[in-house]
Protein backbone atom coordinates (compact mmCIF):
# COMPACT_ATOMS: atom_id res chain seq x y z
CA MET A 1 -11.46 -3.73 0.14
CA THR A 2 -10.06 -6.60 2.35
CA SER A 3 -8.54 -8.00 5.19
CA GLU A 4 -5.81 -10.79 4.91
CA VAL A 5 -2.70 -11.67 7.25
CA VAL A 6 0.42 -14.53 7.05
CA LEU A 7 1.49 -15.95 10.06
CA MET A 8 4.59 -18.15 10.15
CA ASN A 9 6.82 -20.25 12.32
CA ARG A 10 9.49 -22.55 12.05
CA SER A 11 7.19 -25.56 11.34
CA ALA A 12 4.33 -24.30 9.35
CA VAL A 13 2.17 -20.99 7.35
CA ALA A 14 -1.16 -20.02 7.71
CA MET A 15 -2.89 -17.57 5.31
CA ALA A 16 -6.20 -15.88 5.99
CA ALA A 17 -8.44 -13.69 3.76
CA ASP A 18 -12.15 -12.26 3.99
CA SER A 19 -14.26 -12.73 1.07
CA ALA A 20 -15.63 -9.40 1.06
CA VAL A 21 -15.46 -6.77 -2.18
CA THR A 22 -16.84 -3.60 -2.73
CA ILE A 23 -18.06 -2.22 -5.83
CA SER A 24 -18.41 1.85 -6.33
CA GLY A 25 -19.66 3.91 -8.66
CA THR A 26 -21.76 7.01 -9.37
CA ASN A 27 -24.62 6.55 -6.80
CA TYR A 28 -23.76 3.10 -6.14
CA LEU A 29 -21.94 1.41 -3.44
CA LYS A 30 -22.23 -2.47 -2.92
CA THR A 31 -20.43 -5.58 -1.05
CA TYR A 32 -20.67 -8.64 -2.17
CA GLN A 33 -18.88 -11.48 0.71
CA SER A 34 -18.24 -14.25 -1.28
CA VAL A 35 -15.19 -13.42 -3.61
CA ASP A 36 -12.09 -15.93 -3.24
CA LYS A 37 -8.62 -14.28 -3.11
CA LEU A 38 -6.84 -17.34 -1.31
CA PHE A 39 -5.43 -19.90 -3.89
CA PRO A 40 -2.58 -22.53 -4.61
CA LEU A 41 -0.29 -21.45 -6.80
CA VAL A 42 0.84 -24.78 -8.34
CA ASP A 43 -0.77 -28.17 -7.93
CA GLY A 44 1.51 -30.52 -5.70
CA GLN A 45 3.73 -27.70 -3.86
CA PRO A 46 3.03 -26.18 -0.65
CA ILE A 47 2.92 -22.78 -2.03
CA GLY A 48 -0.45 -20.28 -1.80
CA VAL A 49 -0.67 -17.03 -3.01
CA MET A 50 -3.11 -14.23 -1.78
CA ILE A 51 -3.89 -10.92 -3.88
CA TYR A 52 -5.75 -8.17 -2.54
CA ASN A 53 -6.67 -4.30 -3.38
CA ASN A 54 -7.89 -4.56 -7.12
CA ALA A 55 -9.43 -8.26 -7.90
CA GLU A 56 -8.42 -7.94 -11.96
CA LEU A 57 -5.06 -7.21 -14.03
CA MET A 58 -6.43 -5.70 -16.96
CA SER A 59 -9.98 -6.41 -17.06
CA THR A 60 -8.71 -9.87 -16.38
CA PRO A 61 -9.64 -11.72 -12.69
CA TRP A 62 -6.60 -12.48 -10.97
CA GLU A 63 -8.28 -16.03 -10.03
CA THR A 64 -8.02 -16.65 -14.02
CA ILE A 65 -4.63 -15.58 -14.25
CA ILE A 66 -3.21 -17.41 -11.02
CA SER A 67 -5.82 -20.76 -12.81
CA LEU A 68 -3.57 -20.72 -16.53
CA TYR A 69 -0.12 -20.38 -14.33
CA ARG A 70 -1.31 -23.11 -12.57
CA ASP A 71 -2.56 -25.10 -15.76
CA GLN A 72 0.97 -24.29 -17.21
CA ASN A 73 3.02 -25.03 -14.42
CA ARG A 74 1.35 -28.28 -12.93
CA GLY A 75 3.96 -30.20 -10.62
CA ARG A 76 6.84 -27.44 -11.13
CA SER A 77 8.91 -27.57 -8.32
CA LEU A 78 11.74 -24.92 -7.85
CA ASP A 79 14.38 -24.56 -4.88
CA THR A 80 12.91 -21.30 -3.17
CA LEU A 81 9.63 -19.65 -2.87
CA GLU A 82 10.92 -16.40 -4.05
CA ALA A 83 11.80 -18.51 -7.19
CA HIS A 84 8.51 -19.29 -7.32
CA ALA A 85 6.70 -15.82 -7.24
CA ARG A 86 9.04 -14.40 -9.64
CA ASP A 87 8.55 -16.65 -12.19
CA PHE A 88 4.76 -16.34 -11.44
CA ILE A 89 5.39 -12.36 -11.91
CA ASN A 90 7.43 -13.10 -15.13
CA PHE A 91 4.47 -15.36 -16.45
CA LEU A 92 2.92 -11.97 -16.62
CA SER A 93 5.48 -10.17 -18.75
CA ASP A 94 6.17 -10.93 -22.28
CA ASN A 95 2.95 -13.02 -22.52
CA PRO A 96 1.04 -11.44 -25.52
CA GLU A 97 -1.38 -14.25 -25.50
CA LEU A 98 -2.52 -13.09 -22.00
CA PHE A 99 -2.20 -9.65 -22.48
CA PRO A 100 -2.41 -8.64 -26.49
CA PRO A 101 -0.61 -5.50 -28.03
CA ASP A 102 -4.01 -3.64 -28.55
CA HIS A 103 -5.13 -4.36 -25.23
CA GLN A 104 -1.71 -2.78 -23.19
CA ASP A 105 -2.57 0.12 -25.84
CA THR A 106 -5.88 0.54 -23.95
CA GLU A 107 -4.69 -0.01 -20.69
CA PHE A 108 -1.97 2.56 -20.80
CA PHE A 109 -4.40 5.28 -22.05
CA LYS A 110 -6.54 4.19 -19.31
CA HIS A 111 -3.27 4.42 -16.43
CA VAL A 112 -2.50 8.04 -17.98
CA ALA A 113 -6.21 9.05 -17.33
CA VAL A 114 -6.47 7.89 -14.10
CA VAL A 115 -2.82 9.76 -13.20
CA LEU A 116 -4.50 13.01 -14.90
CA SER A 117 -7.63 12.17 -13.07
CA ILE A 118 -5.14 12.68 -9.76
CA VAL A 119 -4.26 15.93 -10.95
CA ALA A 120 -7.55 17.58 -11.46
CA ASP A 121 -8.92 16.11 -7.85
CA ASP A 122 -5.72 17.84 -6.26
CA PHE A 123 -6.59 20.69 -8.03
CA ASP A 124 -10.09 21.19 -6.89
CA TYR A 125 -8.97 19.97 -3.45
CA GLN A 126 -6.29 23.09 -3.42
CA LEU A 127 -8.74 25.73 -4.34
CA HIS A 128 -11.47 24.50 -1.87
CA GLN A 129 -8.80 25.13 0.72
CA LEU A 130 -7.70 28.58 -0.76
CA LYS A 131 -11.23 29.03 -0.79
CA GLN A 132 -12.14 28.65 2.58
CA SER A 133 -8.79 30.68 3.89
CA LYS A 134 -10.32 33.55 1.93
CA ALA A 135 -6.43 34.36 1.22
CA GLY A 136 -7.65 36.48 -1.70
CA ARG A 137 -9.88 36.56 -5.17
CA LEU A 138 -9.82 32.54 -6.68
CA ARG A 139 -9.55 33.70 -9.98
CA GLU A 140 -6.60 35.40 -9.72
CA HIS A 141 -4.87 32.31 -8.23
CA VAL A 142 -6.07 29.54 -10.16
CA SER A 143 -3.44 29.29 -12.48
CA ALA A 144 -0.84 29.07 -9.87
CA VAL A 145 -2.83 26.82 -8.13
CA PHE A 146 -2.45 24.38 -11.09
CA GLY A 147 0.89 24.81 -11.71
CA TYR A 148 1.74 23.88 -7.88
CA VAL A 149 -0.46 21.07 -8.03
CA VAL A 150 1.73 19.73 -11.24
CA GLU A 151 4.99 20.43 -9.48
CA GLU A 152 4.12 18.44 -6.35
CA LEU A 153 3.27 15.61 -8.18
CA TYR A 154 5.97 15.61 -10.67
CA GLY A 155 8.26 16.28 -7.25
CA ASP A 156 6.59 13.40 -5.61
CA LEU A 157 7.93 10.89 -8.56
CA VAL A 158 11.17 12.01 -8.89
CA GLY A 159 11.48 11.79 -4.67
CA ASN A 160 10.84 10.72 -1.70
CA LEU A 161 9.63 12.36 1.58
CA ASP A 162 12.87 12.40 3.09
CA GLY A 163 14.60 13.98 0.39
CA THR A 164 15.91 10.56 -1.46
CA SER A 165 15.53 10.18 -5.23
CA ARG A 166 12.85 7.65 -6.09
CA GLY A 167 14.41 4.93 -8.13
CA ARG A 168 12.89 3.78 -11.11
CA LEU A 169 11.49 0.20 -11.33
CA ASP A 170 14.08 -2.39 -12.45
CA VAL A 171 11.55 -4.18 -14.58
CA PHE A 172 11.99 -1.13 -16.87
CA PRO A 173 15.11 -0.69 -18.69
CA GLU A 174 16.77 2.47 -19.95
CA GLY A 175 14.94 4.45 -22.20
CA THR A 176 11.37 3.34 -21.58
CA GLU A 177 10.27 7.04 -21.20
CA GLU A 178 11.40 7.72 -24.50
CA GLN A 179 10.07 5.08 -25.74
CA LEU A 180 6.78 5.32 -24.38
CA MET A 181 6.72 8.90 -25.58
CA ARG A 182 7.23 7.85 -29.04
CA ARG A 183 5.19 5.21 -28.96
CA TYR A 184 2.08 7.02 -27.11
CA GLY A 185 2.90 10.70 -27.29
CA ALA A 186 0.28 11.63 -29.74
CA GLU A 187 -2.23 9.86 -27.15
CA ILE A 188 -0.59 11.57 -24.28
CA ASP A 189 -1.41 15.08 -25.57
CA GLU A 190 -5.03 14.54 -26.23
CA LEU A 191 -5.63 13.41 -22.72
CA ILE A 192 -3.69 16.44 -21.49
CA GLY A 193 -5.27 18.76 -23.58
CA SER A 194 -8.86 17.10 -22.93
CA LEU A 195 -7.93 17.77 -18.82
CA ILE A 196 -7.27 21.36 -19.66
CA GLN A 197 -9.79 22.15 -21.77
CA SER A 198 -12.44 20.61 -19.02
CA LEU A 199 -10.40 22.81 -16.81
CA LYS A 200 -11.04 25.86 -18.88
CA ASN A 201 -14.67 25.33 -19.14
CA GLU A 202 -14.92 25.66 -15.50
CA PHE A 203 -12.07 28.62 -14.90
CA PRO A 204 -11.84 30.23 -18.06
CA MET A 205 -8.95 32.39 -16.64
CA LEU A 206 -6.89 29.25 -16.20
CA SER A 207 -3.43 29.73 -18.15
CA VAL A 208 -1.29 26.83 -18.70
CA PRO A 209 2.69 27.13 -19.71
CA SER A 210 4.17 25.33 -21.61
CA ASP A 211 6.93 23.95 -19.18
CA ILE A 212 3.85 22.83 -17.24
CA VAL A 213 2.46 20.90 -20.16
CA GLN A 214 5.57 19.19 -20.39
CA LYS A 215 5.88 18.06 -16.64
CA LEU A 216 2.39 16.83 -17.39
CA ARG A 217 3.66 15.17 -20.61
CA GLU A 218 6.61 13.39 -18.01
CA ILE A 219 4.25 12.59 -15.35
CA ALA A 220 2.77 10.22 -18.13
CA VAL A 221 5.34 7.98 -18.37
CA MET A 222 7.25 8.04 -15.19
CA SER A 223 3.76 7.22 -13.37
CA VAL A 224 4.75 4.24 -14.96
CA THR A 225 8.13 3.53 -14.84
CA GLN A 226 9.02 5.11 -11.61
CA ASP A 227 8.40 3.19 -8.27
CA ALA A 228 5.87 4.97 -6.95
CA PHE A 229 1.86 3.26 -7.50
CA TYR A 230 -0.61 6.24 -7.33
CA GLU A 231 -2.94 3.89 -9.62
CA HIS A 232 -5.43 1.12 -8.93
CA TYR A 233 -3.24 -1.62 -8.36
CA THR A 234 -2.98 -5.20 -6.95
CA GLY A 235 -1.22 -6.54 -4.11
CA VAL A 236 -0.04 -10.21 -4.58
CA VAL A 237 1.15 -11.93 -1.29
CA PHE A 238 3.09 -15.61 -1.88
CA ALA A 239 3.87 -17.86 1.08
CA GLY A 240 5.02 -21.34 1.58
CA PHE A 241 7.92 -23.65 0.70
CA GLY A 242 10.43 -24.46 -1.91
CA ARG A 243 11.91 -27.94 -2.61
CA ALA A 244 15.35 -26.68 -1.02
CA GLU A 245 13.74 -24.66 1.64
CA LYS A 246 13.67 -26.16 5.60
CA PHE A 247 12.00 -22.88 6.68
CA PRO A 248 8.99 -21.12 5.21
CA SER A 249 9.07 -17.74 3.09
CA MET A 250 7.09 -14.85 2.33
CA ARG A 251 7.51 -12.34 -0.49
CA SER A 252 5.06 -10.07 -1.25
CA TYR A 253 4.73 -8.03 -4.60
CA LEU A 254 2.63 -4.63 -6.02
CA THR A 255 1.48 -5.12 -9.29
CA SER A 256 -0.41 -2.85 -11.47
CA THR A 257 -0.76 -3.18 -15.46
CA VAL A 258 1.46 -4.53 -18.24
CA VAL A 259 3.07 -1.77 -20.89
CA LEU A 260 5.64 -2.21 -23.53
CA GLY A 261 5.46 -5.84 -22.57
CA LYS A 262 6.24 -5.98 -19.26
CA LEU A 263 4.32 -6.21 -15.69
CA LYS A 264 4.72 -2.69 -13.56
CA ASN A 265 5.81 -4.54 -10.31
CA ARG A 266 8.22 -4.28 -7.21
CA MET A 267 8.68 -6.49 -4.31
CA ASP A 268 6.86 -4.75 -1.47
CA ARG A 269 8.16 -7.52 1.19
CA ALA A 270 10.23 -10.10 1.81
CA GLN A 271 10.53 -12.45 5.09
CA ASP A 272 12.33 -15.61 5.63
CA MET A 273 12.08 -18.07 8.47
CA THR A 274 15.76 -18.88 10.20
CA ALA A 275 16.48 -21.24 12.68
CA ASP A 276 16.97 -18.90 15.27
CA GLY A 277 14.40 -16.39 13.99
CA GLY A 278 10.85 -15.17 15.48
CA PRO A 279 7.50 -16.25 13.81
CA VAL A 280 6.22 -14.04 11.74
CA ILE A 281 2.86 -11.91 11.80
CA ALA A 282 2.36 -10.13 8.85
CA PRO A 283 -1.24 -8.32 7.85
CA PHE A 284 -2.13 -6.94 4.45
CA ALA A 285 -4.41 -4.35 3.21
CA GLN A 286 -7.19 -3.35 6.09
CA ASP A 287 -5.10 -4.50 9.15
CA ARG A 288 -6.17 -1.47 12.03
CA MET A 289 -7.43 -4.03 14.33
CA ILE A 290 -5.11 -6.57 13.73
CA ARG A 291 -1.90 -4.07 14.31
CA THR A 292 -4.19 -2.61 17.39
CA PHE A 293 -4.01 -6.75 18.54
CA LEU A 294 -0.38 -6.83 18.03
CA THR A 295 0.80 -3.82 20.12
CA GLY A 296 -1.57 -2.82 22.18
CA MET A 297 -2.41 0.52 21.42
CA ASP A 298 -4.36 1.63 18.24
CA ALA A 299 -1.94 3.75 15.94
CA ASN A 300 -4.26 6.85 15.29
CA LEU A 301 -4.64 6.83 19.33
CA ARG A 302 -0.70 6.95 19.22
CA MET A 303 -0.46 9.81 17.09
CA PHE A 304 -3.05 11.39 19.04
CA LEU A 305 -1.26 11.47 22.41
CA PHE A 306 1.75 12.30 20.69
CA GLY A 307 0.48 15.26 19.38
CA GLU A 308 -0.91 16.53 22.73
CA THR A 309 2.01 15.73 24.56
CA LEU A 310 3.89 17.84 22.46
CA LYS A 311 1.74 20.42 23.05
CA LEU A 312 0.99 20.23 26.63
CA SER A 313 4.65 20.42 26.95
CA SER A 314 5.51 23.22 24.77
CA HIS A 315 2.72 24.73 26.50
CA LEU A 316 4.43 23.99 30.25
CA VAL A 317 7.79 25.21 28.84
CA THR A 318 6.44 28.53 27.72
CA ASP A 319 4.84 28.76 30.83
CA VAL A 320 7.93 28.48 33.09
CA ILE A 321 10.08 30.51 31.02
CA GLY A 322 7.68 33.02 31.11
CA ARG A 323 7.37 32.91 34.99
CA ALA A 324 11.09 32.93 35.31
CA PRO A 325 12.43 35.95 37.31
CA GLY A 326 15.51 37.73 36.45
CA LEU A 327 15.29 37.19 32.59
CA ASN A 328 14.92 39.77 29.71
CA ASP A 329 12.81 38.88 26.66
CA GLN A 330 16.36 37.93 24.47
CA GLN A 331 17.00 35.14 27.05
CA ARG A 332 13.49 34.13 27.04
CA ALA A 333 13.44 33.84 23.57
CA GLN A 334 17.00 31.75 23.86
CA LEU A 335 15.74 29.41 26.21
CA LEU A 336 12.49 28.69 24.14
CA SER A 337 14.27 27.74 21.15
CA ASP A 338 16.56 25.59 22.91
CA TYR A 339 13.66 23.44 24.50
CA SER A 340 11.63 23.28 21.48
CA GLU A 341 14.45 22.51 19.26
CA GLY A 342 17.01 20.44 21.46
CA SER A 343 15.64 19.26 25.36
CA LEU A 344 11.81 19.25 24.20
CA GLY A 345 12.21 17.03 21.26
CA THR A 346 14.93 14.27 23.27
CA ALA A 347 12.76 14.17 25.77
CA LEU A 348 9.72 13.34 24.05
CA ARG A 349 11.32 10.71 22.06
CA ALA A 350 12.83 9.08 24.89
CA PHE A 351 9.23 9.00 26.69
CA PHE A 352 7.62 7.55 23.60
CA GLN A 353 10.24 5.13 23.57
CA SER A 354 10.11 3.81 26.62
CA ILE A 355 6.21 3.10 26.13
CA ASP A 356 6.84 1.24 23.24
CA GLN A 357 9.36 -0.77 25.05
CA PHE A 358 6.87 -1.54 27.24
CA GLN A 359 4.53 -2.74 24.97
CA TYR A 360 6.59 -4.82 23.31
CA ALA A 361 7.65 -6.42 26.62
CA VAL A 362 4.20 -7.07 28.07
CA HIS A 363 1.91 -7.06 24.99
CA THR A 364 3.74 -8.30 21.94
CA ALA A 365 6.47 -10.54 22.99
CA PRO A 366 4.27 -12.68 24.71
CA ILE A 367 2.15 -13.34 21.80
CA LEU A 368 5.42 -13.90 19.25
CA ARG A 369 6.37 -16.26 21.79
CA ALA A 370 2.89 -18.05 21.48
CA VAL A 371 2.51 -17.81 17.50
CA SER A 372 6.36 -19.41 17.33
CA VAL A 373 5.65 -22.73 18.72
CA LEU A 374 1.77 -23.06 17.53
CA PRO A 375 0.71 -26.38 15.56
CA LYS A 376 -0.27 -25.83 12.06
CA LYS A 377 -3.57 -26.40 13.22
CA GLU A 378 -3.57 -23.72 15.87
CA LEU A 379 -1.52 -21.20 13.52
CA GLY A 380 -4.76 -21.54 10.96
CA GLU A 381 -6.93 -20.70 14.25
CA THR A 382 -5.12 -17.74 15.18
CA ALA A 383 -5.12 -16.42 11.71
CA ALA A 384 -8.81 -16.43 10.91
CA SER A 385 -9.22 -14.99 14.34
CA LEU A 386 -7.11 -11.75 13.32
CA ILE A 387 -9.21 -11.18 10.52
CA LYS A 388 -12.30 -11.87 12.32
CA LEU A 389 -11.39 -8.85 14.46
CA ASN A 390 -11.32 -6.62 11.36
CA SER A 391 -14.65 -8.14 10.22
CA PHE A 392 -15.91 -7.12 13.72
CA GLN A 393 -14.67 -3.88 13.94
CA GLN A 394 -15.94 -2.94 10.49
CA LYS A 395 -19.27 -4.50 11.54
CA VAL A 396 -19.75 -2.44 14.93
CA MET A 397 -18.10 1.09 13.49
CA ASN A 398 -18.70 1.36 9.65
CA SER A 399 -21.87 1.82 7.78
CA VAL A 400 -20.14 -0.38 4.68
CA GLU A 401 -18.54 -3.35 5.74
CA THR A 402 -15.47 -3.93 3.54
CA VAL A 403 -14.04 -6.56 5.47
CA GLY A 404 -16.41 -9.95 6.26
CA GLY A 405 -17.57 -12.82 4.82
CA PRO A 406 -16.34 -16.31 4.80
CA ILE A 407 -12.78 -16.28 5.51
CA SER A 408 -10.30 -18.78 3.28
CA LEU A 409 -7.75 -20.37 5.13
CA ALA A 410 -4.84 -22.45 4.28
CA THR A 411 -2.16 -24.16 5.89
CA ILE A 412 1.12 -25.00 4.65
CA SER A 413 3.76 -27.45 5.84
CA ARG A 414 6.46 -29.63 4.32
CA ASN A 415 4.71 -32.70 5.09
CA GLU A 416 0.82 -32.27 4.31
CA GLY A 417 2.01 -29.20 1.60
CA MET A 418 -1.27 -26.70 1.17
CA VAL A 419 -4.72 -27.43 3.15
CA MET A 420 -7.20 -25.04 2.03
CA GLY A 421 -10.68 -24.66 4.01
CA LYS A 422 -13.38 -21.76 5.54
CA GLU A 423 -14.27 -20.57 8.31
CA LYS A 424 -17.84 -18.29 9.00
CA ALA A 425 -16.31 -15.08 10.00
CA GLU A 426 -18.41 -14.16 13.10
CA LEU A 427 -16.95 -14.01 16.50
């Protein structure tokens, strides 16, 4: 893993990234602290690019890809940072010299195998939960559990948690799913058959009806075209100035694999400085300590407090209504329903909204005011310090330090361009 951050005010940008990478396998876990994740995008232009999560795209190191792009576009200047970012993303599509068709075929099969492994892992998890609950004989529910797991993943691919439809990625034109099925249908069926057979070896009673097999086929292609990234992906972050921009901007993308000549990607975040806008503090990947520093409270602690406050409030309401004289059982039940579904929820939301406002006023706002006027040197030091916070937290709390090593640092301004440097991780 990694920890990265972008700081922007009206005069400059600071980008900082740690240098740790964790390599894992069966009975193997190793962390190295000498990996570069921050680079100039184009020589002579005030634009930097950072990568996080996966260090390779289709087995090609991102450092190599960025270097090839930089060599091809030496000195090229576009009006906006977004234009530079889109140009780089487009460089990775329709580029058979970089990603030959047979390589794309192999990577697609790897992609489908990863998605099917998610099905297998969730199937094992659900069976374990069922076994723990002792809700009947396991063998009688195996087929139903597998169908449930497939239906859930299919539902996640077509809809969001809030009930809205999950969109398909703009990079893939209509009909891409049919094209994928025509090209790779036989291989998809073979991979699905291997999954089912391996599960039947362990659970001979497993029965998979044809409609579930069809949903697995659709999952295989929709996992590419839908706006969902269950597979290994890379975050790519751009920040700096385009030729016509007087204030800096930032764009970040999620990227995955090249399929049918198109890079699976979507813009993840977009932020622009304006004449009257506040500063930008944008952490990426492992960001727990950075967000705690910015808000004054750990997000997990806040969630815990919300849950405990809800339980306490519910118990108090139940106790008061239960002790109230002169009420029959129907009236008590109605009062409990009214409070649990209305007044109590409203009161809790107002309570935590008040806490959030206090946090922002006394903790976050002063930090933002300071960052908004920092000169570029101090902006860079602040960015590096935020990464050091994450590194220190990893050092004292985790057995495996997935954040650490020297910190790559870049400060970017229109006047001086992009200036690179490194700092030690120790606080």
